[in-house]
Amino acid sequence: MVKRTAITRRGLFRGLGTATLVAGCKGSGERATAEPDDASVIARGSAVTLGPGPSPVEFTLNGAATKLEVPPSATLLDTLRRALDKTGSKKVCDRGACGACMVLVDGVPRNSCMTLAHDVAGRAVTTVEGLAQDGAPSPLQRAFVERDALQCGFCTSGMLISASALLARGGSPSDDDIREAIAGNLCRCGTYPHVVAAVRDASKERA
């Protein structure tokens, strides 16, 4: 029969105190585990040291080569809005939950509030401003207006980004396909039926 040792409150704190004392006696140059350097990041498969101050980053923005210096901690959303004056992407939840800040990165929708600016180095970024064709609204943007698919407008840029990615795949998306594509975009005004209708119209016009 196995004899179990009772654990008392005093014994527990005594054990924790001993462990803390032993850990504190380690030399300053000795580290139990290797901790990553906050100023180091992995960019596109190769280690690049960034920081602590602003570092250069290059990417394509709406078809134009872009180069600027931003801190390693800067999000793509803040960089677009503050440094590049692309304010179409909205800062709403800042938690990647609402989709108002969505942009295309190499054609794939991403929440720019959850993406570091340095993570898009060498990639193609498209904001809602880049959807226009020769300065004129795209068929999708026109359909949003005609179908009254916006009210306050805070979700609209993200909706357009998600919908444009869907239309870029080709084919004739069903209403369910459209709903799935915009599932990551929250509309507090409740214009979802109008958005679905607008995307449907744009799909037919493109065909």
N, C-alpha and C. Protein backbone atom coordinates (compact mmCIF):
# COMPACT_ATOMS: atom_id res chain seq x y z
N MET A 1 0.85 -1.20 0.00
CA MET A 1 0.00 0.00 0.00
C MET A 1 0.88 1.24 0.00
N VAL A 2 0.62 2.15 -0.90
CA VAL A 2 1.43 3.35 -1.03
C VAL A 2 1.02 4.36 0.02
N LYS A 3 2.02 4.86 0.73
CA LYS A 3 1.76 5.88 1.75
C LYS A 3 1.87 7.26 1.13
N ARG A 4 0.81 8.04 1.20
CA ARG A 4 0.80 9.37 0.62
C ARG A 4 1.19 10.42 1.66
N THR A 5 2.04 11.33 1.23
CA THR A 5 2.49 12.40 2.11
C THR A 5 1.52 13.57 2.02
N ALA A 6 1.01 13.99 3.14
CA ALA A 6 0.07 15.11 3.15
C ALA A 6 0.79 16.41 2.82
N ILE A 7 0.14 17.23 2.01
CA ILE A 7 0.70 18.53 1.65
C ILE A 7 0.05 19.59 2.52
N THR A 8 0.89 20.28 3.28
CA THR A 8 0.39 21.34 4.14
C THR A 8 0.71 22.70 3.53
N ARG A 9 -0.01 23.71 3.96
CA ARG A 9 0.20 25.07 3.45
C ARG A 9 1.61 25.54 3.77
N ARG A 10 2.07 25.24 5.00
CA ARG A 10 3.42 25.65 5.39
C ARG A 10 4.48 24.94 4.57
N GLY A 11 4.26 23.66 4.32
CA GLY A 11 5.23 22.90 3.53
C GLY A 11 5.29 23.37 2.09
N LEU A 12 4.13 23.75 1.55
CA LEU A 12 4.09 24.22 0.17
C LEU A 12 4.89 25.51 0.02
N PHE A 13 4.66 26.48 0.92
CA PHE A 13 5.38 27.75 0.83
C PHE A 13 6.87 27.58 1.11
N ARG A 14 7.22 26.63 1.99
CA ARG A 14 8.63 26.37 2.27
C ARG A 14 9.32 25.84 1.03
N GLY A 15 8.64 24.93 0.29
CA GLY A 15 9.23 24.39 -0.93
C GLY A 15 9.39 25.44 -2.01
N LEU A 16 8.37 26.29 -2.16
CA LEU A 16 8.45 27.36 -3.15
C LEU A 16 9.55 28.34 -2.82
N GLY A 17 9.72 28.65 -1.54
CA GLY A 17 10.77 29.57 -1.14
C GLY A 17 12.15 29.02 -1.42
N THR A 18 12.33 27.72 -1.22
CA THR A 18 13.63 27.10 -1.50
C THR A 18 13.94 27.13 -2.98
N ALA A 19 12.93 26.82 -3.81
CA ALA A 19 13.14 26.83 -5.26
C ALA A 19 13.49 28.23 -5.75
N THR A 20 12.83 29.24 -5.19
CA THR A 20 13.11 30.62 -5.59
C THR A 20 14.52 31.03 -5.20
N LEU A 21 14.96 30.61 -4.01
CA LEU A 21 16.30 30.94 -3.54
C LEU A 21 17.36 30.31 -4.43
N VAL A 22 17.15 29.04 -4.82
CA VAL A 22 18.11 28.36 -5.67
C VAL A 22 18.19 29.03 -7.03
N ALA A 23 17.03 29.39 -7.58
CA ALA A 23 17.02 30.06 -8.89
C ALA A 23 17.71 31.40 -8.83
N GLY A 24 17.57 32.11 -7.70
CA GLY A 24 18.18 33.42 -7.56
C GLY A 24 19.68 33.37 -7.39
N CYS A 25 20.21 32.20 -7.04
CA CYS A 25 21.65 32.06 -6.85
C CYS A 25 22.41 31.83 -8.14
N LYS A 26 21.71 31.66 -9.26
CA LYS A 26 22.39 31.46 -10.53
C LYS A 26 23.17 32.70 -10.90
N GLY A 27 24.29 32.54 -11.56
CA GLY A 27 25.10 33.66 -11.99
C GLY A 27 24.37 34.50 -13.01
N SER A 28 24.71 35.79 -13.05
CA SER A 28 24.01 36.69 -13.97
C SER A 28 24.24 36.29 -15.41
N GLY A 29 25.34 35.62 -15.69
CA GLY A 29 25.63 35.23 -17.07
C GLY A 29 25.04 33.90 -17.43
N GLU A 30 24.43 33.20 -16.45
CA GLU A 30 23.87 31.87 -16.69
C GLU A 30 22.38 31.98 -16.88
N ARG A 31 21.88 31.40 -17.93
CA ARG A 31 20.45 31.45 -18.20
C ARG A 31 19.94 30.03 -18.34
N ALA A 32 18.84 29.74 -17.65
CA ALA A 32 18.30 28.38 -17.68
C ALA A 32 17.81 28.02 -19.07
N THR A 33 17.18 28.95 -19.73
CA THR A 33 16.68 28.70 -21.08
C THR A 33 17.04 29.88 -21.96
N ALA A 34 17.17 29.62 -23.23
CA ALA A 34 17.49 30.69 -24.18
C ALA A 34 16.23 31.46 -24.48
N GLU A 35 16.25 32.76 -24.26
CA GLU A 35 15.10 33.60 -24.54
C GLU A 35 15.33 34.36 -25.83
N PRO A 36 14.33 34.47 -26.66
CA PRO A 36 14.50 35.19 -27.93
C PRO A 36 14.71 36.67 -27.70
N ASP A 37 15.53 37.26 -28.52
CA ASP A 37 15.76 38.70 -28.47
C ASP A 37 14.56 39.40 -29.07
N ASP A 38 13.97 40.34 -28.32
CA ASP A 38 12.78 41.05 -28.79
C ASP A 38 13.04 41.81 -30.08
N ALA A 39 14.32 42.14 -30.33
CA ALA A 39 14.63 42.95 -31.51
C ALA A 39 14.89 42.10 -32.74
N SER A 40 14.75 40.78 -32.60
CA SER A 40 14.99 39.89 -33.73
C SER A 40 13.68 39.33 -34.24
N VAL A 41 13.52 39.26 -35.53
CA VAL A 41 12.32 38.70 -36.14
C VAL A 41 12.74 37.79 -37.27
N ILE A 42 11.84 36.92 -37.64
CA ILE A 42 12.06 36.06 -38.79
C ILE A 42 11.23 36.60 -39.94
N ALA A 43 11.88 37.05 -40.98
CA ALA A 43 11.18 37.65 -42.12
C ALA A 43 11.42 36.83 -43.37
N ARG A 44 10.33 36.24 -43.87
CA ARG A 44 10.35 35.48 -45.13
C ARG A 44 11.46 34.44 -45.14
N GLY A 45 11.60 33.71 -44.02
CA GLY A 45 12.49 32.57 -43.99
C GLY A 45 13.92 32.88 -43.59
N SER A 46 14.29 34.13 -43.40
CA SER A 46 15.66 34.44 -43.01
C SER A 46 15.64 35.37 -41.81
N ALA A 47 16.64 35.21 -40.93
CA ALA A 47 16.70 36.03 -39.73
C ALA A 47 17.17 37.43 -40.07
N VAL A 48 16.41 38.41 -39.62
CA VAL A 48 16.75 39.81 -39.85
C VAL A 48 16.67 40.52 -38.51
N THR A 49 17.73 41.20 -38.13
CA THR A 49 17.72 41.93 -36.87
C THR A 49 17.13 43.31 -37.08
N LEU A 50 16.12 43.63 -36.29
CA LEU A 50 15.44 44.91 -36.39
C LEU A 50 15.50 45.63 -35.05
N GLY A 51 15.45 46.96 -35.13
CA GLY A 51 15.32 47.75 -33.92
C GLY A 51 16.63 48.02 -33.21
N PRO A 52 16.54 48.68 -32.05
CA PRO A 52 15.28 49.05 -31.39
C PRO A 52 14.56 50.24 -32.04
N GLY A 53 15.26 51.00 -32.87
CA GLY A 53 14.64 52.14 -33.55
C GLY A 53 14.01 51.74 -34.86
N PRO A 54 13.49 52.71 -35.62
CA PRO A 54 12.89 52.41 -36.92
C PRO A 54 13.87 51.74 -37.88
N SER A 55 13.36 50.81 -38.66
CA SER A 55 14.17 50.09 -39.64
C SER A 55 13.47 50.15 -41.00
N PRO A 56 14.22 50.11 -42.09
CA PRO A 56 13.60 50.21 -43.41
C PRO A 56 12.81 48.97 -43.79
N VAL A 57 11.72 49.17 -44.49
CA VAL A 57 10.92 48.07 -45.02
C VAL A 57 10.43 48.48 -46.41
N GLU A 58 10.44 47.53 -47.33
CA GLU A 58 10.00 47.79 -48.70
C GLU A 58 8.90 46.81 -49.08
N PHE A 59 7.87 47.32 -49.71
CA PHE A 59 6.80 46.47 -50.23
C PHE A 59 6.07 47.25 -51.32
N THR A 60 5.18 46.57 -52.01
CA THR A 60 4.39 47.22 -53.05
C THR A 60 3.03 47.60 -52.48
N LEU A 61 2.66 48.86 -52.62
CA LEU A 61 1.38 49.34 -52.10
C LEU A 61 0.52 49.85 -53.25
N ASN A 62 -0.57 49.15 -53.50
CA ASN A 62 -1.48 49.52 -54.60
C ASN A 62 -0.74 49.68 -55.92
N GLY A 63 0.22 48.77 -56.15
CA GLY A 63 0.96 48.75 -57.41
C GLY A 63 2.19 49.61 -57.45
N ALA A 64 2.46 50.39 -56.40
CA ALA A 64 3.62 51.28 -56.39
C ALA A 64 4.64 50.81 -55.37
N ALA A 65 5.92 50.83 -55.76
CA ALA A 65 6.98 50.46 -54.84
C ALA A 65 7.01 51.45 -53.68
N THR A 66 7.08 50.93 -52.48
CA THR A 66 7.04 51.77 -51.28
C THR A 66 8.18 51.39 -50.35
N LYS A 67 8.89 52.40 -49.85
CA LYS A 67 9.97 52.17 -48.90
C LYS A 67 9.88 53.23 -47.82
N LEU A 68 9.94 52.79 -46.58
CA LEU A 68 9.92 53.72 -45.46
C LEU A 68 10.54 53.05 -44.24
N GLU A 69 10.77 53.82 -43.21
CA GLU A 69 11.33 53.29 -41.98
C GLU A 69 10.26 53.33 -40.89
N VAL A 70 10.06 52.17 -40.26
CA VAL A 70 9.08 52.07 -39.18
C VAL A 70 9.66 51.22 -38.06
N PRO A 71 9.22 51.42 -36.82
CA PRO A 71 9.68 50.59 -35.71
C PRO A 71 9.25 49.14 -35.90
N PRO A 72 9.97 48.20 -35.32
CA PRO A 72 9.59 46.79 -35.45
C PRO A 72 8.20 46.49 -34.90
N SER A 73 7.73 47.30 -33.96
CA SER A 73 6.43 47.06 -33.34
C SER A 73 5.26 47.68 -34.09
N ALA A 74 5.54 48.45 -35.14
CA ALA A 74 4.46 49.15 -35.86
C ALA A 74 3.60 48.17 -36.64
N THR A 75 2.29 48.29 -36.49
CA THR A 75 1.38 47.45 -37.27
C THR A 75 1.24 48.01 -38.68
N LEU A 76 0.82 47.15 -39.57
CA LEU A 76 0.59 47.59 -40.94
C LEU A 76 -0.52 48.64 -40.98
N LEU A 77 -1.54 48.47 -40.15
CA LEU A 77 -2.65 49.43 -40.13
C LEU A 77 -2.17 50.83 -39.75
N ASP A 78 -1.41 50.92 -38.66
CA ASP A 78 -0.92 52.23 -38.23
C ASP A 78 0.03 52.83 -39.26
N THR A 79 0.82 51.98 -39.89
CA THR A 79 1.75 52.46 -40.91
C THR A 79 0.99 53.02 -42.11
N LEU A 80 -0.03 52.31 -42.54
CA LEU A 80 -0.84 52.78 -43.67
C LEU A 80 -1.52 54.10 -43.36
N ARG A 81 -2.10 54.20 -42.18
CA ARG A 81 -2.89 55.39 -41.85
C ARG A 81 -2.01 56.59 -41.50
N ARG A 82 -0.97 56.36 -40.71
CA ARG A 82 -0.19 57.48 -40.19
C ARG A 82 0.96 57.90 -41.11
N ALA A 83 1.64 56.90 -41.67
CA ALA A 83 2.83 57.21 -42.46
C ALA A 83 2.54 57.33 -43.95
N LEU A 84 1.53 56.62 -44.44
CA LEU A 84 1.27 56.57 -45.88
C LEU A 84 -0.05 57.22 -46.27
N ASP A 85 -0.77 57.75 -45.32
CA ASP A 85 -2.02 58.48 -45.57
C ASP A 85 -3.06 57.64 -46.32
N LYS A 86 -3.08 56.34 -46.05
CA LYS A 86 -4.10 55.46 -46.61
C LYS A 86 -5.10 55.18 -45.49
N THR A 87 -6.09 56.04 -45.38
CA THR A 87 -7.02 55.97 -44.25
C THR A 87 -8.29 55.18 -44.54
N GLY A 88 -8.36 54.55 -45.70
CA GLY A 88 -9.53 53.74 -46.02
C GLY A 88 -9.68 52.56 -45.08
N SER A 89 -8.55 51.98 -44.66
CA SER A 89 -8.57 50.88 -43.70
C SER A 89 -8.85 51.48 -42.32
N LYS A 90 -9.92 51.04 -41.68
CA LYS A 90 -10.38 51.66 -40.44
C LYS A 90 -9.83 50.95 -39.20
N LYS A 91 -9.50 51.74 -38.20
CA LYS A 91 -9.06 51.20 -36.92
C LYS A 91 -10.26 51.20 -35.98
N VAL A 92 -10.85 50.03 -35.79
CA VAL A 92 -12.08 49.93 -35.01
C VAL A 92 -11.83 49.10 -33.75
N CYS A 93 -11.74 47.77 -33.89
CA CYS A 93 -11.54 46.94 -32.70
C CYS A 93 -10.08 46.84 -32.31
N ASP A 94 -9.18 46.93 -33.29
CA ASP A 94 -7.73 46.78 -33.06
C ASP A 94 -7.40 45.43 -32.44
N ARG A 95 -8.22 44.42 -32.70
CA ARG A 95 -8.02 43.08 -32.15
C ARG A 95 -8.21 41.99 -33.20
N GLY A 96 -8.37 42.37 -34.45
CA GLY A 96 -8.56 41.38 -35.50
C GLY A 96 -9.91 40.71 -35.47
N ALA A 97 -10.90 41.37 -34.85
CA ALA A 97 -12.21 40.74 -34.69
C ALA A 97 -13.28 41.29 -35.62
N CYS A 98 -13.10 42.51 -36.16
CA CYS A 98 -14.21 43.13 -36.90
C CYS A 98 -14.00 43.18 -38.41
N GLY A 99 -12.75 43.14 -38.87
CA GLY A 99 -12.49 43.14 -40.30
C GLY A 99 -12.48 44.51 -40.96
N ALA A 100 -12.68 45.58 -40.18
CA ALA A 100 -12.72 46.92 -40.78
C ALA A 100 -11.37 47.36 -41.33
N CYS A 101 -10.30 46.72 -40.89
CA CYS A 101 -8.95 47.12 -41.32
C CYS A 101 -8.39 46.22 -42.41
N MET A 102 -9.21 45.35 -42.98
CA MET A 102 -8.70 44.35 -43.92
C MET A 102 -8.03 44.97 -45.15
N VAL A 103 -6.93 44.34 -45.54
CA VAL A 103 -6.24 44.67 -46.79
C VAL A 103 -5.91 43.35 -47.48
N LEU A 104 -5.49 43.43 -48.72
CA LEU A 104 -5.02 42.24 -49.42
C LEU A 104 -3.51 42.19 -49.34
N VAL A 105 -2.97 41.06 -48.95
CA VAL A 105 -1.53 40.83 -48.96
C VAL A 105 -1.28 39.67 -49.92
N ASP A 106 -0.69 39.98 -51.04
CA ASP A 106 -0.53 38.99 -52.11
C ASP A 106 -1.88 38.38 -52.49
N GLY A 107 -2.91 39.20 -52.50
CA GLY A 107 -4.23 38.77 -52.92
C GLY A 107 -5.07 38.10 -51.86
N VAL A 108 -4.53 37.95 -50.65
CA VAL A 108 -5.25 37.27 -49.57
C VAL A 108 -5.68 38.30 -48.52
N PRO A 109 -6.96 38.31 -48.11
CA PRO A 109 -7.41 39.27 -47.09
C PRO A 109 -6.72 39.02 -45.75
N ARG A 110 -6.24 40.11 -45.15
CA ARG A 110 -5.62 40.02 -43.83
C ARG A 110 -6.01 41.23 -43.00
N ASN A 111 -6.14 41.01 -41.70
CA ASN A 111 -6.40 42.11 -40.78
C ASN A 111 -5.11 42.88 -40.56
N SER A 112 -5.07 44.11 -41.03
CA SER A 112 -3.82 44.87 -40.94
C SER A 112 -3.50 45.30 -39.51
N CYS A 113 -4.50 45.27 -38.61
CA CYS A 113 -4.22 45.62 -37.22
C CYS A 113 -3.46 44.52 -36.51
N MET A 114 -3.48 43.31 -37.06
CA MET A 114 -2.79 42.16 -36.47
C MET A 114 -1.56 41.77 -37.27
N THR A 115 -1.16 42.60 -38.22
CA THR A 115 -0.02 42.32 -39.08
C THR A 115 1.03 43.40 -38.87
N LEU A 116 2.26 43.01 -38.59
CA LEU A 116 3.33 43.98 -38.45
C LEU A 116 3.73 44.50 -39.83
N ALA A 117 4.11 45.75 -39.89
CA ALA A 117 4.51 46.33 -41.17
C ALA A 117 5.68 45.57 -41.77
N HIS A 118 6.60 45.13 -40.93
CA HIS A 118 7.77 44.41 -41.43
C HIS A 118 7.43 43.01 -41.94
N ASP A 119 6.24 42.51 -41.59
CA ASP A 119 5.83 41.19 -42.07
C ASP A 119 5.43 41.20 -43.54
N VAL A 120 5.21 42.37 -44.11
CA VAL A 120 4.83 42.43 -45.53
C VAL A 120 6.00 42.84 -46.41
N ALA A 121 7.20 42.77 -45.88
CA ALA A 121 8.39 43.12 -46.68
C ALA A 121 8.44 42.26 -47.94
N GLY A 122 8.58 42.90 -49.09
CA GLY A 122 8.67 42.19 -50.35
C GLY A 122 7.34 41.69 -50.90
N ARG A 123 6.25 42.05 -50.26
CA ARG A 123 4.94 41.57 -50.70
C ARG A 123 4.11 42.69 -51.33
N ALA A 124 2.98 42.30 -51.89
CA ALA A 124 2.08 43.27 -52.53
C ALA A 124 0.89 43.51 -51.62
N VAL A 125 0.70 44.76 -51.22
CA VAL A 125 -0.40 45.15 -50.34
C VAL A 125 -1.39 45.99 -51.14
N THR A 126 -2.66 45.64 -51.02
CA THR A 126 -3.71 46.42 -51.69
C THR A 126 -4.71 46.88 -50.64
N THR A 127 -4.93 48.19 -50.58
CA THR A 127 -5.94 48.75 -49.68
C THR A 127 -7.19 49.06 -50.50
N VAL A 128 -8.22 49.52 -49.83
CA VAL A 128 -9.45 49.84 -50.55
C VAL A 128 -9.22 50.93 -51.58
N GLU A 129 -8.25 51.81 -51.33
CA GLU A 129 -7.94 52.86 -52.31
C GLU A 129 -7.42 52.26 -53.61
N GLY A 130 -6.82 51.07 -53.52
CA GLY A 130 -6.25 50.44 -54.70
C GLY A 130 -7.25 49.67 -55.55
N LEU A 131 -8.50 49.60 -55.11
CA LEU A 131 -9.51 48.87 -55.89
C LEU A 131 -10.06 49.69 -57.05
N ALA A 132 -9.92 51.00 -56.98
CA ALA A 132 -10.41 51.86 -58.06
C ALA A 132 -9.65 51.59 -59.35
N GLN A 133 -10.30 51.78 -60.45
CA GLN A 133 -9.71 51.53 -61.77
C GLN A 133 -9.55 52.84 -62.51
N ASP A 134 -8.29 53.25 -62.70
CA ASP A 134 -7.99 54.52 -63.38
C ASP A 134 -8.70 55.70 -62.72
N GLY A 135 -8.74 55.66 -61.40
CA GLY A 135 -9.36 56.75 -60.66
C GLY A 135 -10.86 56.69 -60.55
N ALA A 136 -11.48 55.70 -61.19
CA ALA A 136 -12.94 55.55 -61.14
C ALA A 136 -13.30 54.35 -60.27
N PRO A 137 -14.44 54.38 -59.59
CA PRO A 137 -14.85 53.24 -58.77
C PRO A 137 -14.93 51.96 -59.58
N SER A 138 -14.54 50.87 -58.97
CA SER A 138 -14.63 49.57 -59.63
C SER A 138 -16.09 49.14 -59.71
N PRO A 139 -16.40 48.14 -60.55
CA PRO A 139 -17.78 47.64 -60.60
C PRO A 139 -18.31 47.22 -59.23
N LEU A 140 -17.44 46.64 -58.41
CA LEU A 140 -17.86 46.24 -57.07
C LEU A 140 -18.21 47.46 -56.22
N GLN A 141 -17.39 48.48 -56.29
CA GLN A 141 -17.67 49.70 -55.52
C GLN A 141 -18.95 50.37 -56.00
N ARG A 142 -19.17 50.38 -57.30
CA ARG A 142 -20.41 50.97 -57.83
C ARG A 142 -21.63 50.18 -57.37
N ALA A 143 -21.48 48.86 -57.34
CA ALA A 143 -22.59 48.01 -56.90
C ALA A 143 -22.94 48.27 -55.44
N PHE A 144 -21.93 48.53 -54.62
CA PHE A 144 -22.18 48.84 -53.21
C PHE A 144 -23.03 50.11 -53.09
N VAL A 145 -22.72 51.09 -53.93
CA VAL A 145 -23.48 52.34 -53.89
C VAL A 145 -24.90 52.11 -54.39
N GLU A 146 -25.03 51.41 -55.51
CA GLU A 146 -26.34 51.20 -56.11
C GLU A 146 -27.26 50.35 -55.22
N ARG A 147 -26.66 49.41 -54.49
CA ARG A 147 -27.45 48.54 -53.62
C ARG A 147 -27.59 49.09 -52.20
N ASP A 148 -27.06 50.29 -51.98
CA ASP A 148 -27.13 50.90 -50.65
C ASP A 148 -26.55 49.96 -49.59
N ALA A 149 -25.36 49.43 -49.89
CA ALA A 149 -24.74 48.42 -49.03
C ALA A 149 -23.86 49.02 -47.94
N LEU A 150 -24.12 50.26 -47.59
CA LEU A 150 -23.34 50.88 -46.51
C LEU A 150 -24.21 51.91 -45.80
N GLN A 151 -23.95 52.05 -44.51
CA GLN A 151 -24.63 53.09 -43.74
C GLN A 151 -23.57 53.97 -43.07
N CYS A 152 -23.04 53.53 -41.92
CA CYS A 152 -22.01 54.36 -41.28
C CYS A 152 -20.71 54.32 -42.05
N GLY A 153 -20.46 53.21 -42.77
CA GLY A 153 -19.29 53.12 -43.63
C GLY A 153 -18.04 52.55 -43.00
N PHE A 154 -18.05 52.30 -41.69
CA PHE A 154 -16.83 51.82 -41.05
C PHE A 154 -16.45 50.41 -41.49
N CYS A 155 -17.43 49.59 -41.83
CA CYS A 155 -17.13 48.22 -42.25
C CYS A 155 -16.91 48.12 -43.76
N THR A 156 -17.27 49.16 -44.49
CA THR A 156 -17.35 49.07 -45.95
C THR A 156 -16.03 48.72 -46.61
N SER A 157 -14.94 49.35 -46.19
CA SER A 157 -13.65 49.07 -46.84
C SER A 157 -13.25 47.62 -46.66
N GLY A 158 -13.47 47.07 -45.46
CA GLY A 158 -13.15 45.66 -45.22
C GLY A 158 -14.04 44.73 -46.02
N MET A 159 -15.33 45.07 -46.12
CA MET A 159 -16.26 44.28 -46.93
C MET A 159 -15.81 44.26 -48.39
N LEU A 160 -15.41 45.41 -48.90
CA LEU A 160 -14.96 45.49 -50.29
C LEU A 160 -13.71 44.65 -50.52
N ILE A 161 -12.80 44.66 -49.55
CA ILE A 161 -11.58 43.87 -49.68
C ILE A 161 -11.91 42.38 -49.72
N SER A 162 -12.73 41.92 -48.79
CA SER A 162 -13.09 40.50 -48.76
C SER A 162 -13.84 40.09 -50.02
N ALA A 163 -14.76 40.94 -50.46
CA ALA A 163 -15.54 40.63 -51.66
C ALA A 163 -14.68 40.64 -52.91
N SER A 164 -13.73 41.56 -52.98
CA SER A 164 -12.85 41.61 -54.17
C SER A 164 -11.98 40.37 -54.25
N ALA A 165 -11.55 39.85 -53.10
CA ALA A 165 -10.76 38.62 -53.10
C ALA A 165 -11.60 37.45 -53.60
N LEU A 166 -12.87 37.43 -53.22
CA LEU A 166 -13.77 36.37 -53.70
C LEU A 166 -13.95 36.46 -55.20
N LEU A 167 -14.22 37.65 -55.72
CA LEU A 167 -14.45 37.82 -57.16
C LEU A 167 -13.20 37.52 -57.97
N ALA A 168 -12.04 37.75 -57.38
CA ALA A 168 -10.78 37.50 -58.10
C ALA A 168 -10.57 36.01 -58.37
N ARG A 169 -11.27 35.16 -57.65
CA ARG A 169 -11.12 33.71 -57.87
C ARG A 169 -11.84 33.27 -59.13
N GLY A 170 -12.74 34.10 -59.64
CA GLY A 170 -13.47 33.73 -60.84
C GLY A 170 -14.72 32.93 -60.51
N GLY A 171 -15.42 32.54 -61.55
CA GLY A 171 -16.64 31.78 -61.36
C GLY A 171 -17.80 32.67 -60.97
N SER A 172 -18.91 32.03 -60.64
CA SER A 172 -20.12 32.75 -60.23
C SER A 172 -20.46 32.35 -58.79
N PRO A 173 -20.00 33.11 -57.82
CA PRO A 173 -20.24 32.74 -56.42
C PRO A 173 -21.71 32.78 -56.06
N SER A 174 -22.14 31.81 -55.28
CA SER A 174 -23.51 31.78 -54.78
C SER A 174 -23.64 32.74 -53.60
N ASP A 175 -24.87 32.95 -53.16
CA ASP A 175 -25.07 33.80 -52.00
C ASP A 175 -24.36 33.23 -50.77
N ASP A 176 -24.36 31.90 -50.65
CA ASP A 176 -23.65 31.28 -49.53
C ASP A 176 -22.15 31.52 -49.63
N ASP A 177 -21.62 31.47 -50.84
CA ASP A 177 -20.19 31.75 -51.04
C ASP A 177 -19.87 33.19 -50.60
N ILE A 178 -20.75 34.09 -50.94
CA ILE A 178 -20.54 35.51 -50.59
C ILE A 178 -20.60 35.68 -49.08
N ARG A 179 -21.58 35.05 -48.45
CA ARG A 179 -21.70 35.16 -46.99
C ARG A 179 -20.46 34.59 -46.30
N GLU A 180 -19.96 33.50 -46.82
CA GLU A 180 -18.75 32.91 -46.23
C GLU A 180 -17.55 33.84 -46.41
N ALA A 181 -17.46 34.48 -47.56
CA ALA A 181 -16.32 35.36 -47.85
C ALA A 181 -16.29 36.57 -46.92
N ILE A 182 -17.46 37.08 -46.54
CA ILE A 182 -17.52 38.27 -45.68
C ILE A 182 -17.77 37.91 -44.22
N ALA A 183 -17.61 36.63 -43.88
CA ALA A 183 -17.89 36.19 -42.51
C ALA A 183 -16.99 36.87 -41.49
N GLY A 184 -15.82 37.30 -41.90
CA GLY A 184 -14.90 37.96 -40.98
C GLY A 184 -15.11 39.46 -40.87
N ASN A 185 -16.15 39.96 -41.51
CA ASN A 185 -16.43 41.40 -41.50
C ASN A 185 -17.73 41.67 -40.75
N LEU A 186 -17.66 42.45 -39.70
CA LEU A 186 -18.84 42.75 -38.90
C LEU A 186 -19.47 44.07 -39.33
N CYS A 187 -20.78 44.05 -39.54
CA CYS A 187 -21.52 45.27 -39.88
C CYS A 187 -22.52 45.53 -38.76
N ARG A 188 -22.24 46.54 -37.97
CA ARG A 188 -23.12 46.86 -36.85
C ARG A 188 -24.44 47.48 -37.31
N CYS A 189 -24.47 47.96 -38.55
CA CYS A 189 -25.70 48.56 -39.09
C CYS A 189 -26.64 47.50 -39.68
N GLY A 190 -26.13 46.29 -39.90
CA GLY A 190 -26.97 45.21 -40.39
C GLY A 190 -27.28 45.25 -41.87
N THR A 191 -26.33 45.68 -42.68
CA THR A 191 -26.58 45.78 -44.13
C THR A 191 -26.15 44.52 -44.90
N TYR A 192 -26.02 43.40 -44.21
CA TYR A 192 -25.54 42.18 -44.87
C TYR A 192 -26.33 41.81 -46.13
N PRO A 193 -27.67 41.84 -46.12
CA PRO A 193 -28.39 41.48 -47.35
C PRO A 193 -28.04 42.38 -48.53
N HIS A 194 -27.82 43.66 -48.26
CA HIS A 194 -27.45 44.60 -49.32
C HIS A 194 -26.04 44.31 -49.83
N VAL A 195 -25.15 43.92 -48.92
CA VAL A 195 -23.78 43.58 -49.32
C VAL A 195 -23.79 42.36 -50.23
N VAL A 196 -24.54 41.34 -49.83
CA VAL A 196 -24.63 40.12 -50.65
C VAL A 196 -25.18 40.44 -52.03
N ALA A 197 -26.20 41.27 -52.08
CA ALA A 197 -26.79 41.65 -53.37
C ALA A 197 -25.80 42.43 -54.23
N ALA A 198 -25.02 43.30 -53.60
CA ALA A 198 -24.03 44.09 -54.34
C ALA A 198 -22.95 43.21 -54.93
N VAL A 199 -22.46 42.27 -54.15
CA VAL A 199 -21.42 41.37 -54.65
C VAL A 199 -21.98 40.49 -55.77
N ARG A 200 -23.22 40.06 -55.62
CA ARG A 200 -23.86 39.26 -56.66
C ARG A 200 -23.95 40.05 -57.97
N ASP A 201 -24.35 41.31 -57.87
CA ASP A 201 -24.45 42.16 -59.07
C ASP A 201 -23.09 42.35 -59.73
N ALA A 202 -22.07 42.60 -58.92
CA ALA A 202 -20.72 42.81 -59.46
C ALA A 202 -20.21 41.55 -60.14
N SER A 203 -20.56 40.40 -59.58
CA SER A 203 -20.14 39.13 -60.18
C SER A 203 -20.79 38.94 -61.54
N LYS A 204 -22.06 39.28 -61.65
CA LYS A 204 -22.77 39.14 -62.93
C LYS A 204 -22.22 40.12 -63.97
N GLU A 205 -21.90 41.34 -63.53
CA GLU A 205 -21.37 42.34 -64.46
C GLU A 205 -20.01 41.92 -64.99
N ARG A 206 -19.22 41.31 -64.13
CA ARG A 206 -17.89 40.87 -64.55
C ARG A 206 -18.00 39.73 -65.55
N ALA A 207 -18.99 38.86 -65.35
CA ALA A 207 -19.18 37.72 -66.24
C ALA A 207 -19.63 38.18 -67.61
